[in-house]
C-alpha atoms as a PDB file:
ATOM      1  CA  UNK A   1      82.401 109.961 129.904  1.00  0.00           C
ATOM      2  CA  UNK A   2      84.580 112.246 127.811  1.00  0.00           C
ATOM      3  CA  UNK A   3      87.948 111.142 126.543  1.00  0.00           C
ATOM      4  CA  UNK A   4      90.876 113.514 126.685  1.00  0.00           C
ATOM      5  CA  UNK A   5      91.601 115.044 123.290  1.00  0.00           C
ATOM      6  CA  UNK A   6      95.131 114.066 122.224  1.00  0.00           C
ATOM      7  CA  UNK A   7      97.462 116.074 119.959  1.00  0.00           C
ATOM      8  CA  UNK A   8      99.629 114.675 117.157  1.00  0.00           C
ATOM      9  CA  UNK A   9     102.357 113.815 119.697  1.00  0.00           C
ATOM     10  CA  UNK A  10      99.854 111.811 121.798  1.00  0.00           C
ATOM     11  CA  UNK A  11      99.860 114.411 124.572  1.00  0.00           C
ATOM     12  CA  UNK A  12      96.412 114.505 126.250  1.00  0.00           C
ATOM     13  CA  UNK A  13      94.729 117.631 127.560  1.00  0.00           C
ATOM     14  CA  UNK A  14      94.279 117.972 131.315  1.00  0.00           C
ATOM     15  CA  UNK A  15      91.227 116.309 132.825  1.00  0.00           C
ATOM     16  CA  UNK A  16      89.399 117.127 136.048  1.00  0.00           C
ATOM     17  CA  UNK A  17      86.767 115.306 138.064  1.00  0.00           C
ATOM     18  CA  UNK A  18      83.173 116.435 137.582  1.00  0.00           C
ATOM     19  CA  UNK A  19      81.822 118.130 140.698  1.00  0.00           C
ATOM     20  CA  UNK A  20      78.407 116.741 139.769  1.00  0.00           C
ATOM     21  CA  UNK A  21      79.130 113.078 140.553  1.00  0.00           C
ATOM     22  CA  UNK A  22      82.764 112.975 141.729  1.00  0.00           C
ATOM     23  CA  UNK A  23      83.811 110.267 139.257  1.00  0.00           C
ATOM     24  CA  UNK A  24      83.224 111.412 135.668  1.00  0.00           C
ATOM     25  CA  UNK A  25      86.299 113.007 134.116  1.00  0.00           C
ATOM     26  CA  UNK A  26      85.972 115.966 131.780  1.00  0.00           C
ATOM     27  CA  UNK A  27      88.496 118.062 129.820  1.00  0.00           C
ATOM     28  CA  UNK A  28      89.502 121.343 131.451  1.00  0.00           C
ATOM     29  CA  UNK A  29      88.633 124.270 129.170  1.00  0.00           C
ATOM     30  CA  UNK A  30      90.794 127.257 128.245  1.00  0.00           C
ATOM     31  CA  UNK A  31      90.153 130.563 126.513  1.00  0.00           C
ATOM     32  CA  UNK A  32      92.073 130.309 123.206  1.00  0.00           C
ATOM     33  CA  UNK A  33      92.159 134.085 122.718  1.00  0.00           C
ATOM     34  CA  UNK A  34      94.216 134.763 125.845  1.00  0.00           C
ATOM     35  CA  UNK A  35      95.622 131.240 126.415  1.00  0.00           C
ATOM     36  CA  UNK A  36      94.210 131.088 129.928  1.00  0.00           C
ATOM     37  CA  UNK A  37      92.529 128.272 131.810  1.00  0.00           C
ATOM     38  CA  UNK A  38      88.841 128.763 132.631  1.00  0.00           C
ATOM     39  CA  UNK A  39      88.139 128.839 136.360  1.00  0.00           C
ATOM     40  CA  UNK A  40      85.182 129.479 138.624  1.00  0.00           C
ATOM     41  CA  UNK A  41      86.791 131.544 141.380  1.00  0.00           C
ATOM     42  CA  UNK A  42      85.619 131.206 144.964  1.00  0.00           C
ATOM     43  CA  UNK A  43      83.836 127.912 144.390  1.00  0.00           C
ATOM     44  CA  UNK A  44      84.662 124.562 145.895  1.00  0.00           C
ATOM     45  CA  UNK A  45      83.507 121.042 145.276  1.00  0.00           C
ATOM     46  CA  UNK A  46      82.065 118.714 147.858  1.00  0.00           C
ATOM     47  CA  UNK A  47      83.893 115.412 148.246  1.00  0.00           C
ATOM     48  CA  UNK A  48      81.771 112.895 146.365  1.00  0.00           C
ATOM     49  CA  UNK A  49      83.965 109.912 147.229  1.00  0.00           C
ATOM     50  CA  UNK A  50      83.454 107.540 144.330  1.00  0.00           C
ATOM     51  CA  UNK A  51      86.289 106.312 142.176  1.00  0.00           C
ATOM     52  CA  UNK A  52      89.626 106.949 143.947  1.00  0.00           C
ATOM     53  CA  UNK A  53      91.479 107.267 140.609  1.00  0.00           C
ATOM     54  CA  UNK A  54      89.083 108.781 138.060  1.00  0.00           C
ATOM     55  CA  UNK A  55      90.088 107.968 134.468  1.00  0.00           C
ATOM     56  CA  UNK A  56      88.573 108.385 131.026  1.00  0.00           C
ATOM     57  CA  UNK A  57      87.883 105.480 128.651  1.00  0.00           C
ATOM     58  CA  UNK A  58      91.498 105.667 127.418  1.00  0.00           C
ATOM     59  CA  UNK A  59      92.811 105.331 130.999  1.00  0.00           C
ATOM     60  CA  UNK A  60      94.003 108.962 131.160  1.00  0.00           C
ATOM     61  CA  UNK A  61      94.011 110.110 134.788  1.00  0.00           C
ATOM     62  CA  UNK A  62      92.192 113.206 136.062  1.00  0.00           C
ATOM     63  CA  UNK A  63      94.024 116.182 137.569  1.00  0.00           C
ATOM     64  CA  UNK A  64      95.053 115.790 141.212  1.00  0.00           C
ATOM     65  CA  UNK A  65      96.735 118.101 143.686  1.00  0.00           C
ATOM     66  CA  UNK A  66      98.386 117.452 147.029  1.00  0.00           C
ATOM     67  CA  UNK A  67      96.506 118.189 150.264  1.00  0.00           C
ATOM     68  CA  UNK A  68      97.288 121.566 151.832  1.00  0.00           C
ATOM     69  CA  UNK A  69      96.698 119.933 155.231  1.00  0.00           C
ATOM     70  CA  UNK A  70      99.426 117.277 155.173  1.00  0.00           C
ATOM     71  CA  UNK A  71     101.362 117.856 151.930  1.00  0.00           C
ATOM     72  CA  UNK A  72     101.074 114.162 151.029  1.00  0.00           C
ATOM     73  CA  UNK A  73      97.484 113.070 150.389  1.00  0.00           C
ATOM     74  CA  UNK A  74      96.337 113.273 146.729  1.00  0.00           C
ATOM     75  CA  UNK A  75      93.142 115.303 146.299  1.00  0.00           C
ATOM     76  CA  UNK A  76      90.950 115.228 143.193  1.00  0.00           C
ATOM     77  CA  UNK A  77      90.436 118.693 141.720  1.00  0.00           C
ATOM     78  CA  UNK A  78      86.848 119.284 140.590  1.00  0.00           C
ATOM     79  CA  UNK A  79      85.591 120.982 137.475  1.00  0.00           C
ATOM     80  CA  UNK A  80      82.193 122.412 136.550  1.00  0.00           C
ATOM     81  CA  UNK A  81      80.624 119.863 134.201  1.00  0.00           C
ATOM     82  CA  UNK A  82      78.693 122.462 132.197  1.00  0.00           C
ATOM     83  CA  UNK A  83      81.494 124.947 131.526  1.00  0.00           C
ATOM     84  CA  UNK A  84      84.631 122.831 131.932  1.00  0.00           C
ATOM     85  CA  UNK A  85      85.996 125.466 134.343  1.00  0.00           C
ATOM     86  CA  UNK A  86      88.140 124.411 137.305  1.00  0.00           C
ATOM     87  CA  UNK A  87      86.655 125.147 140.712  1.00  0.00           C
ATOM     88  CA  UNK A  88      89.201 127.360 142.451  1.00  0.00           C
ATOM     89  CA  UNK A  89      89.134 128.818 145.919  1.00  0.00           C
ATOM     90  CA  UNK A  90      91.798 131.139 147.270  1.00  0.00           C
ATOM     91  CA  UNK A  91      92.819 130.833 150.894  1.00  0.00           C
END
């Protein structure tokens, strides 16, 4: 399990849930040249269940979004474990 890198002000980077197992948290990657988050467009994860509140060893919580269906339910956002890119699908 990866721990979120933390800057000198103790601000952690964003973490996402690995789409491989649905419980490992990994840092979300960005392209430093253009200051843009890495994404894998058009891809979606499959709900792996697992840990309802994925955290790293330092208890930093993974990135969640709210359900587009009901506007209330928290939904884990998955990330590609190999590249660190968020899985993003446009609707």
